[in-house]
C-alpha atoms as a PDB file:
ATOM      1  CA  UNK A   1     209.566  46.073  62.901  1.00  0.00           C
ATOM      2  CA  UNK A   2     210.151  49.922  64.535  1.00  0.00           C
ATOM      3  CA  UNK A   3     209.874  49.566  67.772  1.00  0.00           C
ATOM      4  CA  UNK A   4     209.802  53.084  68.302  1.00  0.00           C
ATOM      5  CA  UNK A   5     206.563  53.362  66.496  1.00  0.00           C
ATOM      6  CA  UNK A   6     205.083  50.241  67.921  1.00  0.00           C
ATOM      7  CA  UNK A   7     205.533  51.941  71.601  1.00  0.00           C
ATOM      8  CA  UNK A   8     204.041  55.561  70.285  1.00  0.00           C
ATOM      9  CA  UNK A   9     201.378  53.920  69.295  1.00  0.00           C
ATOM     10  CA  UNK A  10     200.634  52.360  73.097  1.00  0.00           C
ATOM     11  CA  UNK A  11     201.164  55.928  73.943  1.00  0.00           C
ATOM     12  CA  UNK A  12     198.720  56.833  71.833  1.00  0.00           C
ATOM     13  CA  UNK A  13     196.116  55.286  74.382  1.00  0.00           C
ATOM     14  CA  UNK A  14     197.723  56.375  77.422  1.00  0.00           C
ATOM     15  CA  UNK A  15     199.808  52.988  78.330  1.00  0.00           C
ATOM     16  CA  UNK A  16     203.653  52.442  79.058  1.00  0.00           C
ATOM     17  CA  UNK A  17     205.171  49.424  76.792  1.00  0.00           C
ATOM     18  CA  UNK A  18     208.616  47.499  77.055  1.00  0.00           C
ATOM     19  CA  UNK A  19     210.003  45.507  73.935  1.00  0.00           C
ATOM     20  CA  UNK A  20     212.543  43.279  74.377  1.00  0.00           C
ATOM     21  CA  UNK A  21     214.117  40.324  72.920  1.00  0.00           C
ATOM     22  CA  UNK A  22     212.758  36.589  72.690  1.00  0.00           C
ATOM     23  CA  UNK A  23     214.819  33.782  73.568  1.00  0.00           C
ATOM     24  CA  UNK A  24     213.741  31.951  70.880  1.00  0.00           C
ATOM     25  CA  UNK A  25     214.570  34.246  67.096  1.00  0.00           C
ATOM     26  CA  UNK A  26     211.120  33.369  66.224  1.00  0.00           C
ATOM     27  CA  UNK A  27     209.381  33.290  69.147  1.00  0.00           C
ATOM     28  CA  UNK A  28     206.715  35.820  70.099  1.00  0.00           C
ATOM     29  CA  UNK A  29     205.228  37.103  73.651  1.00  0.00           C
ATOM     30  CA  UNK A  30     202.513  39.577  75.085  1.00  0.00           C
ATOM     31  CA  UNK A  31     202.304  40.270  78.891  1.00  0.00           C
ATOM     32  CA  UNK A  32     200.771  42.731  81.129  1.00  0.00           C
ATOM     33  CA  UNK A  33     203.210  43.125  83.836  1.00  0.00           C
ATOM     34  CA  UNK A  34     202.741  44.865  87.330  1.00  0.00           C
ATOM     35  CA  UNK A  35     203.900  46.382  90.369  1.00  0.00           C
ATOM     36  CA  UNK A  36     201.966  47.787  92.758  1.00  0.00           C
ATOM     37  CA  UNK A  37     200.197  50.545  90.852  1.00  0.00           C
ATOM     38  CA  UNK A  38     202.254  50.439  88.162  1.00  0.00           C
ATOM     39  CA  UNK A  39     201.406  48.584  85.014  1.00  0.00           C
ATOM     40  CA  UNK A  40     203.337  48.166  81.358  1.00  0.00           C
ATOM     41  CA  UNK A  41     203.060  45.712  78.687  1.00  0.00           C
ATOM     42  CA  UNK A  42     205.835  43.780  78.281  1.00  0.00           C
ATOM     43  CA  UNK A  43     206.155  42.256  74.066  1.00  0.00           C
ATOM     44  CA  UNK A  44     209.193  39.496  73.728  1.00  0.00           C
ATOM     45  CA  UNK A  45     209.916  39.984  69.903  1.00  0.00           C
ATOM     46  CA  UNK A  46     212.139  37.658  68.327  1.00  0.00           C
ATOM     47  CA  UNK A  47     215.132  38.608  65.674  1.00  0.00           C
ATOM     48  CA  UNK A  48     212.952  36.813  62.917  1.00  0.00           C
ATOM     49  CA  UNK A  49     209.633  37.569  63.911  1.00  0.00           C
ATOM     50  CA  UNK A  50     207.698  40.726  63.360  1.00  0.00           C
ATOM     51  CA  UNK A  51     205.261  43.067  65.199  1.00  0.00           C
ATOM     52  CA  UNK A  52     202.740  45.764  63.947  1.00  0.00           C
ATOM     53  CA  UNK A  53     200.219  47.828  65.498  1.00  0.00           C
ATOM     54  CA  UNK A  54     196.713  47.811  62.551  1.00  0.00           C
ATOM     55  CA  UNK A  55     194.548  49.881  64.796  1.00  0.00           C
ATOM     56  CA  UNK A  56     195.040  52.271  67.343  1.00  0.00           C
ATOM     57  CA  UNK A  57     191.425  53.828  68.975  1.00  0.00           C
ATOM     58  CA  UNK A  58     192.878  56.216  71.948  1.00  0.00           C
ATOM     59  CA  UNK A  59     189.122  56.990  73.170  1.00  0.00           C
ATOM     60  CA  UNK A  60     188.367  53.540  73.211  1.00  0.00           C
ATOM     61  CA  UNK A  61     192.152  52.791  75.089  1.00  0.00           C
ATOM     62  CA  UNK A  62     192.606  50.016  72.927  1.00  0.00           C
ATOM     63  CA  UNK A  63     194.698  48.661  69.907  1.00  0.00           C
ATOM     64  CA  UNK A  64     195.120  45.821  67.728  1.00  0.00           C
ATOM     65  CA  UNK A  65     198.630  44.031  67.258  1.00  0.00           C
ATOM     66  CA  UNK A  66     199.692  41.783  64.625  1.00  0.00           C
ATOM     67  CA  UNK A  67     202.685  39.226  65.528  1.00  0.00           C
ATOM     68  CA  UNK A  68     204.170  37.220  62.432  1.00  0.00           C
ATOM     69  CA  UNK A  69     206.859  34.773  63.531  1.00  0.00           C
ATOM     70  CA  UNK A  70     209.674  33.387  61.879  1.00  0.00           C
ATOM     71  CA  UNK A  71     207.508  30.972  59.881  1.00  0.00           C
ATOM     72  CA  UNK A  72     205.342  33.726  58.657  1.00  0.00           C
ATOM     73  CA  UNK A  73     201.929  32.648  60.693  1.00  0.00           C
ATOM     74  CA  UNK A  74     200.236  35.613  61.629  1.00  0.00           C
ATOM     75  CA  UNK A  75     198.691  35.995  65.293  1.00  0.00           C
ATOM     76  CA  UNK A  76     196.398  38.971  66.734  1.00  0.00           C
ATOM     77  CA  UNK A  77     196.160  40.291  69.936  1.00  0.00           C
ATOM     78  CA  UNK A  78     193.685  42.971  71.299  1.00  0.00           C
ATOM     79  CA  UNK A  79     195.456  45.257  73.830  1.00  0.00           C
ATOM     80  CA  UNK A  80     193.769  47.420  75.751  1.00  0.00           C
ATOM     81  CA  UNK A  81     192.293  48.610  79.069  1.00  0.00           C
ATOM     82  CA  UNK A  82     188.893  47.280  80.910  1.00  0.00           C
ATOM     83  CA  UNK A  83     187.636  49.049  83.845  1.00  0.00           C
ATOM     84  CA  UNK A  84     190.327  48.955  86.205  1.00  0.00           C
ATOM     85  CA  UNK A  85     192.883  47.103  84.458  1.00  0.00           C
ATOM     86  CA  UNK A  86     195.166  46.485  81.506  1.00  0.00           C
ATOM     87  CA  UNK A  87     194.825  43.247  79.511  1.00  0.00           C
ATOM     88  CA  UNK A  88     195.613  41.282  76.235  1.00  0.00           C
ATOM     89  CA  UNK A  89     194.004  38.691  74.968  1.00  0.00           C
ATOM     90  CA  UNK A  90     194.434  36.583  71.507  1.00  0.00           C
ATOM     91  CA  UNK A  91     191.614  37.466  69.109  1.00  0.00           C
ATOM     92  CA  UNK A  92     189.986  34.570  66.591  1.00  0.00           C
ATOM     93  CA  UNK A  93     190.544  35.301  62.755  1.00  0.00           C
ATOM     94  CA  UNK A  94     188.193  33.347  61.505  1.00  0.00           C
ATOM     95  CA  UNK A  95     186.009  36.337  60.700  1.00  0.00           C
ATOM     96  CA  UNK A  96     188.314  38.916  59.058  1.00  0.00           C
ATOM     97  CA  UNK A  97     189.567  41.263  61.971  1.00  0.00           C
ATOM     98  CA  UNK A  98     190.987  44.417  60.225  1.00  0.00           C
ATOM     99  CA  UNK A  99     190.459  46.853  63.669  1.00  0.00           C
ATOM    100  CA  UNK A 100     189.495  47.170  67.000  1.00  0.00           C
ATOM    101  CA  UNK A 101     185.927  47.234  66.860  1.00  0.00           C
ATOM    102  CA  UNK A 102     186.226  43.668  64.537  1.00  0.00           C
ATOM    103  CA  UNK A 103     188.075  42.560  66.867  1.00  0.00           C
ATOM    104  CA  UNK A 104     185.730  43.344  70.061  1.00  0.00           C
ATOM    105  CA  UNK A 105     183.266  41.391  67.749  1.00  0.00           C
ATOM    106  CA  UNK A 106     185.043  38.610  67.053  1.00  0.00           C
ATOM    107  CA  UNK A 107     185.411  37.960  71.152  1.00  0.00           C
ATOM    108  CA  UNK A 108     181.783  37.624  71.255  1.00  0.00           C
ATOM    109  CA  UNK A 109     180.808  33.674  70.545  1.00  0.00           C
ATOM    110  CA  UNK A 110     177.829  33.388  67.963  1.00  0.00           C
ATOM    111  CA  UNK A 111     174.929  33.415  70.925  1.00  0.00           C
ATOM    112  CA  UNK A 112     176.123  36.907  72.431  1.00  0.00           C
ATOM    113  CA  UNK A 113     175.947  37.537  68.569  1.00  0.00           C
ATOM    114  CA  UNK A 114     172.542  36.539  67.680  1.00  0.00           C
ATOM    115  CA  UNK A 115     171.293  38.026  70.239  1.00  0.00           C
ATOM    116  CA  UNK A 116     172.368  41.199  69.502  1.00  0.00           C
ATOM    117  CA  UNK A 117     170.803  40.690  66.362  1.00  0.00           C
ATOM    118  CA  UNK A 118     167.570  39.802  67.617  1.00  0.00           C
ATOM    119  CA  UNK A 119     167.410  42.954  70.102  1.00  0.00           C
ATOM    120  CA  UNK A 120     168.699  45.100  67.130  1.00  0.00           C
ATOM    121  CA  UNK A 121     171.399  46.538  69.266  1.00  0.00           C
ATOM    122  CA  UNK A 122     172.506  49.685  67.648  1.00  0.00           C
ATOM    123  CA  UNK A 123     176.408  49.352  66.272  1.00  0.00           C
ATOM    124  CA  UNK A 124     177.036  52.528  68.503  1.00  0.00           C
ATOM    125  CA  UNK A 125     176.282  49.862  72.148  1.00  0.00           C
ATOM    126  CA  UNK A 126     177.850  46.798  71.262  1.00  0.00           C
ATOM    127  CA  UNK A 127     181.067  47.527  73.180  1.00  0.00           C
ATOM    128  CA  UNK A 128     179.282  48.683  76.012  1.00  0.00           C
ATOM    129  CA  UNK A 129     179.378  46.639  79.052  1.00  0.00           C
ATOM    130  CA  UNK A 130     176.281  46.202  79.015  1.00  0.00           C
ATOM    131  CA  UNK A 131     173.186  46.655  76.586  1.00  0.00           C
ATOM    132  CA  UNK A 132     169.758  44.953  75.862  1.00  0.00           C
ATOM    133  CA  UNK A 133     171.173  42.239  74.885  1.00  0.00           C
ATOM    134  CA  UNK A 134     173.937  41.087  77.432  1.00  0.00           C
ATOM    135  CA  UNK A 135     175.971  42.312  80.361  1.00  0.00           C
ATOM    136  CA  UNK A 136     179.666  41.676  80.703  1.00  0.00           C
ATOM    137  CA  UNK A 137     181.883  41.151  82.714  1.00  0.00           C
ATOM    138  CA  UNK A 138     185.652  40.767  81.682  1.00  0.00           C
ATOM    139  CA  UNK A 139     185.338  37.591  79.289  1.00  0.00           C
ATOM    140  CA  UNK A 140     182.171  36.552  80.348  1.00  0.00           C
ATOM    141  CA  UNK A 141     178.349  37.814  79.006  1.00  0.00           C
ATOM    142  CA  UNK A 142     175.357  37.209  80.741  1.00  0.00           C
ATOM    143  CA  UNK A 143     172.551  36.928  78.239  1.00  0.00           C
ATOM    144  CA  UNK A 144     168.675  37.828  80.171  1.00  0.00           C
ATOM    145  CA  UNK A 145     166.419  34.669  80.281  1.00  0.00           C
ATOM    146  CA  UNK A 146     163.956  36.353  82.569  1.00  0.00           C
ATOM    147  CA  UNK A 147     161.637  33.527  82.161  1.00  0.00           C
ATOM    148  CA  UNK A 148     162.921  30.368  82.797  1.00  0.00           C
ATOM    149  CA  UNK A 149     161.804  28.226  85.572  1.00  0.00           C
ATOM    150  CA  UNK A 150     164.337  26.819  87.613  1.00  0.00           C
ATOM    151  CA  UNK A 151     163.996  24.170  90.144  1.00  0.00           C
ATOM    152  CA  UNK A 152     165.043  25.074  93.923  1.00  0.00           C
ATOM    153  CA  UNK A 153     166.765  22.261  94.495  1.00  0.00           C
ATOM    154  CA  UNK A 154     169.846  22.371  91.687  1.00  0.00           C
ATOM    155  CA  UNK A 155     170.551  26.235  92.734  1.00  0.00           C
ATOM    156  CA  UNK A 156     174.426  26.333  94.006  1.00  0.00           C
ATOM    157  CA  UNK A 157     174.979  29.149  96.251  1.00  0.00           C
ATOM    158  CA  UNK A 158     178.328  31.111  95.763  1.00  0.00           C
ATOM    159  CA  UNK A 159     179.171  29.619  92.741  1.00  0.00           C
ATOM    160  CA  UNK A 160     182.880  30.410  91.097  1.00  0.00           C
ATOM    161  CA  UNK A 161     182.713  31.042  87.141  1.00  0.00           C
ATOM    162  CA  UNK A 162     186.434  30.136  86.544  1.00  0.00           C
ATOM    163  CA  UNK A 163     188.501  29.056  83.163  1.00  0.00           C
ATOM    164  CA  UNK A 164     192.106  27.877  83.171  1.00  0.00           C
ATOM    165  CA  UNK A 165     194.487  30.445  85.139  1.00  0.00           C
ATOM    166  CA  UNK A 166     192.137  32.897  85.776  1.00  0.00           C
ATOM    167  CA  UNK A 167     190.789  34.623  89.507  1.00  0.00           C
ATOM    168  CA  UNK A 168     186.884  33.215  89.753  1.00  0.00           C
ATOM    169  CA  UNK A 169     184.360  35.332  89.273  1.00  0.00           C
ATOM    170  CA  UNK A 170     181.663  34.286  91.917  1.00  0.00           C
ATOM    171  CA  UNK A 171     178.282  34.543  91.586  1.00  0.00           C
ATOM    172  CA  UNK A 172     175.421  34.416  94.346  1.00  0.00           C
ATOM    173  CA  UNK A 173     173.065  31.878  92.307  1.00  0.00           C
ATOM    174  CA  UNK A 174     173.684  29.180  90.009  1.00  0.00           C
ATOM    175  CA  UNK A 175     172.611  26.249  88.242  1.00  0.00           C
ATOM    176  CA  UNK A 176     173.803  23.840  85.284  1.00  0.00           C
ATOM    177  CA  UNK A 177     171.971  21.944  82.964  1.00  0.00           C
ATOM    178  CA  UNK A 178     172.652  19.782  80.206  1.00  0.00           C
ATOM    179  CA  UNK A 179     176.415  18.947  78.923  1.00  0.00           C
ATOM    180  CA  UNK A 180     178.075  15.741  79.035  1.00  0.00           C
ATOM    181  CA  UNK A 181     179.561  13.542  81.836  1.00  0.00           C
ATOM    182  CA  UNK A 182     183.256  14.143  82.874  1.00  0.00           C
ATOM    183  CA  UNK A 183     185.730  11.372  84.886  1.00  0.00           C
ATOM    184  CA  UNK A 184     188.269  13.843  86.846  1.00  0.00           C
ATOM    185  CA  UNK A 185     190.504  12.375  89.402  1.00  0.00           C
ATOM    186  CA  UNK A 186     194.017  12.714  90.525  1.00  0.00           C
ATOM    187  CA  UNK A 187     195.184  10.913  87.901  1.00  0.00           C
ATOM    188  CA  UNK A 188     193.387  12.676  85.302  1.00  0.00           C
ATOM    189  CA  UNK A 189     192.759  16.157  86.638  1.00  0.00           C
ATOM    190  CA  UNK A 190     191.816  17.617  83.298  1.00  0.00           C
ATOM    191  CA  UNK A 191     189.214  14.645  83.104  1.00  0.00           C
ATOM    192  CA  UNK A 192     188.322  12.082  80.288  1.00  0.00           C
ATOM    193  CA  UNK A 193     184.849  11.297  78.739  1.00  0.00           C
ATOM    194  CA  UNK A 194     182.285   8.586  79.681  1.00  0.00           C
ATOM    195  CA  UNK A 195     184.053   5.990  77.280  1.00  0.00           C
ATOM    196  CA  UNK A 196     187.736   6.426  77.915  1.00  0.00           C
ATOM    197  CA  UNK A 197     186.379   6.209  81.290  1.00  0.00           C
ATOM    198  CA  UNK A 198     184.952   2.699  80.909  1.00  0.00           C
ATOM    199  CA  UNK A 199     187.999   2.141  79.066  1.00  0.00           C
ATOM    200  CA  UNK A 200     190.739   2.821  81.783  1.00  0.00           C
ATOM    201  CA  UNK A 201     188.640   1.213  84.123  1.00  0.00           C
ATOM    202  CA  UNK A 202     188.443  -2.189  82.184  1.00  0.00           C
ATOM    203  CA  UNK A 203     192.261  -1.994  80.615  1.00  0.00           C
ATOM    204  CA  UNK A 204     193.143  -1.319  84.762  1.00  0.00           C
ATOM    205  CA  UNK A 205     190.664  -1.998  87.375  1.00  0.00           C
ATOM    206  CA  UNK A 206     193.183  -0.945  90.119  1.00  0.00           C
ATOM    207  CA  UNK A 207     191.673   3.038  88.972  1.00  0.00           C
ATOM    208  CA  UNK A 208     188.426   1.808  90.305  1.00  0.00           C
ATOM    209  CA  UNK A 209     189.423   3.350  93.795  1.00  0.00           C
ATOM    210  CA  UNK A 210     190.636   6.601  92.755  1.00  0.00           C
ATOM    211  CA  UNK A 211     187.796   8.541  94.061  1.00  0.00           C
ATOM    212  CA  UNK A 212     186.643   9.526  90.755  1.00  0.00           C
ATOM    213  CA  UNK A 213     183.862  13.284  90.629  1.00  0.00           C
ATOM    214  CA  UNK A 214     181.838  12.632  87.925  1.00  0.00           C
ATOM    215  CA  UNK A 215     181.413  16.390  86.640  1.00  0.00           C
ATOM    216  CA  UNK A 216     179.547  18.114  83.499  1.00  0.00           C
ATOM    217  CA  UNK A 217     181.542  19.579  80.377  1.00  0.00           C
ATOM    218  CA  UNK A 218     179.887  21.905  77.784  1.00  0.00           C
ATOM    219  CA  UNK A 219     176.713  22.531  80.172  1.00  0.00           C
ATOM    220  CA  UNK A 220     174.322  25.444  80.178  1.00  0.00           C
ATOM    221  CA  UNK A 221     174.879  27.458  83.080  1.00  0.00           C
ATOM    222  CA  UNK A 222     172.669  30.417  84.270  1.00  0.00           C
ATOM    223  CA  UNK A 223     173.493  32.386  87.215  1.00  0.00           C
ATOM    224  CA  UNK A 224     171.665  35.717  89.396  1.00  0.00           C
ATOM    225  CA  UNK A 225     172.086  37.544  91.820  1.00  0.00           C
ATOM    226  CA  UNK A 226     175.673  39.552  92.329  1.00  0.00           C
ATOM    227  CA  UNK A 227     178.784  38.354  90.242  1.00  0.00           C
ATOM    228  CA  UNK A 228     181.722  39.870  92.085  1.00  0.00           C
ATOM    229  CA  UNK A 229     185.460  39.463  90.844  1.00  0.00           C
ATOM    230  CA  UNK A 230     188.416  41.551  92.503  1.00  0.00           C
ATOM    231  CA  UNK A 231     189.401  43.371  89.690  1.00  0.00           C
ATOM    232  CA  UNK A 232     185.677  44.603  88.195  1.00  0.00           C
ATOM    233  CA  UNK A 233     183.139  46.086  89.763  1.00  0.00           C
ATOM    234  CA  UNK A 234     180.298  43.905  90.736  1.00  0.00           C
ATOM    235  CA  UNK A 235     177.356  43.496  88.943  1.00  0.00           C
ATOM    236  CA  UNK A 236     173.942  42.856  89.251  1.00  0.00           C
ATOM    237  CA  UNK A 237     171.340  40.604  87.796  1.00  0.00           C
ATOM    238  CA  UNK A 238     168.125  40.716  89.028  1.00  0.00           C
ATOM    239  CA  UNK A 239     166.829  37.929  86.887  1.00  0.00           C
ATOM    240  CA  UNK A 240     168.252  34.533  85.682  1.00  0.00           C
ATOM    241  CA  UNK A 241     170.978  35.286  82.711  1.00  0.00           C
ATOM    242  CA  UNK A 242     172.738  32.564  80.327  1.00  0.00           C
ATOM    243  CA  UNK A 243     176.161  32.771  80.842  1.00  0.00           C
ATOM    244  CA  UNK A 244     178.571  32.563  77.579  1.00  0.00           C
ATOM    245  CA  UNK A 245     182.766  33.126  78.026  1.00  0.00           C
ATOM    246  CA  UNK A 246     184.403  34.965  75.213  1.00  0.00           C
ATOM    247  CA  UNK A 247     185.735  33.335  71.951  1.00  0.00           C
ATOM    248  CA  UNK A 248     190.123  33.979  73.308  1.00  0.00           C
ATOM    249  CA  UNK A 249     190.369  30.170  73.874  1.00  0.00           C
ATOM    250  CA  UNK A 250     189.701  29.704  70.374  1.00  0.00           C
ATOM    251  CA  UNK A 251     193.039  32.363  69.000  1.00  0.00           C
ATOM    252  CA  UNK A 252     195.982  30.615  68.284  1.00  0.00           C
ATOM    253  CA  UNK A 253     197.909  33.627  69.722  1.00  0.00           C
ATOM    254  CA  UNK A 254     196.867  32.528  72.889  1.00  0.00           C
ATOM    255  CA  UNK A 255     199.937  29.995  73.097  1.00  0.00           C
ATOM    256  CA  UNK A 256     201.697  33.493  73.359  1.00  0.00           C
ATOM    257  CA  UNK A 257     200.049  35.196  75.897  1.00  0.00           C
ATOM    258  CA  UNK A 258     200.901  35.612  79.450  1.00  0.00           C
ATOM    259  CA  UNK A 259     197.939  34.999  81.026  1.00  0.00           C
ATOM    260  CA  UNK A 260     197.108  37.343  83.860  1.00  0.00           C
ATOM    261  CA  UNK A 261     193.572  37.783  85.252  1.00  0.00           C
END
């Protein structure tokens, strides 16, 4: 790996990059460090690992980074700038990611890509934060559903949208529909399925007193009004929109990203 070349590619898109060794020879780690108003990318690379810049788009302030660990496993990272801050995102590679633009498309869930096709969004507009198919804020996509009917009794106010480890995006109004029951308690903070819940109570009746909370997993979520986040400009959704999260969580490389949101 030519560290100087990697650093120069980051400089081409206007970012500072620091590269250091990883405590494990085959290890990889990508992060964005912040100190006051200063931001920089920090890459940790083991002696038996390799980093390579696949594509740089200075006009977009994005680049695609390929990491190869000691076992020859390839991981791709999209590094770039979104609104106010630099970010690192693991990229799922099941769609043949070869550059920045295909990486951005791979981060879109199927429902978003389908909405783009139906709306016949032009290629040059598909990476914008707002087009005919969606509005995007960070990792969340919002697909317009102006004709949907909602029971006012189901609407939640100032509801957070949050993935594991991130700061919440707060919406004025939201409601959820569908999904499967998911049982959460202090012993099982990540929750269990209904079948597993019944098995646990049968095997250990004492668990009945654990104050279980019933939630829904993988529901459809609709939001309306303002969507607010500390790191993003507030967006306004005048009618109901279906919420979709990007596909970053499906990327194997996410295990090498120190997530900061």
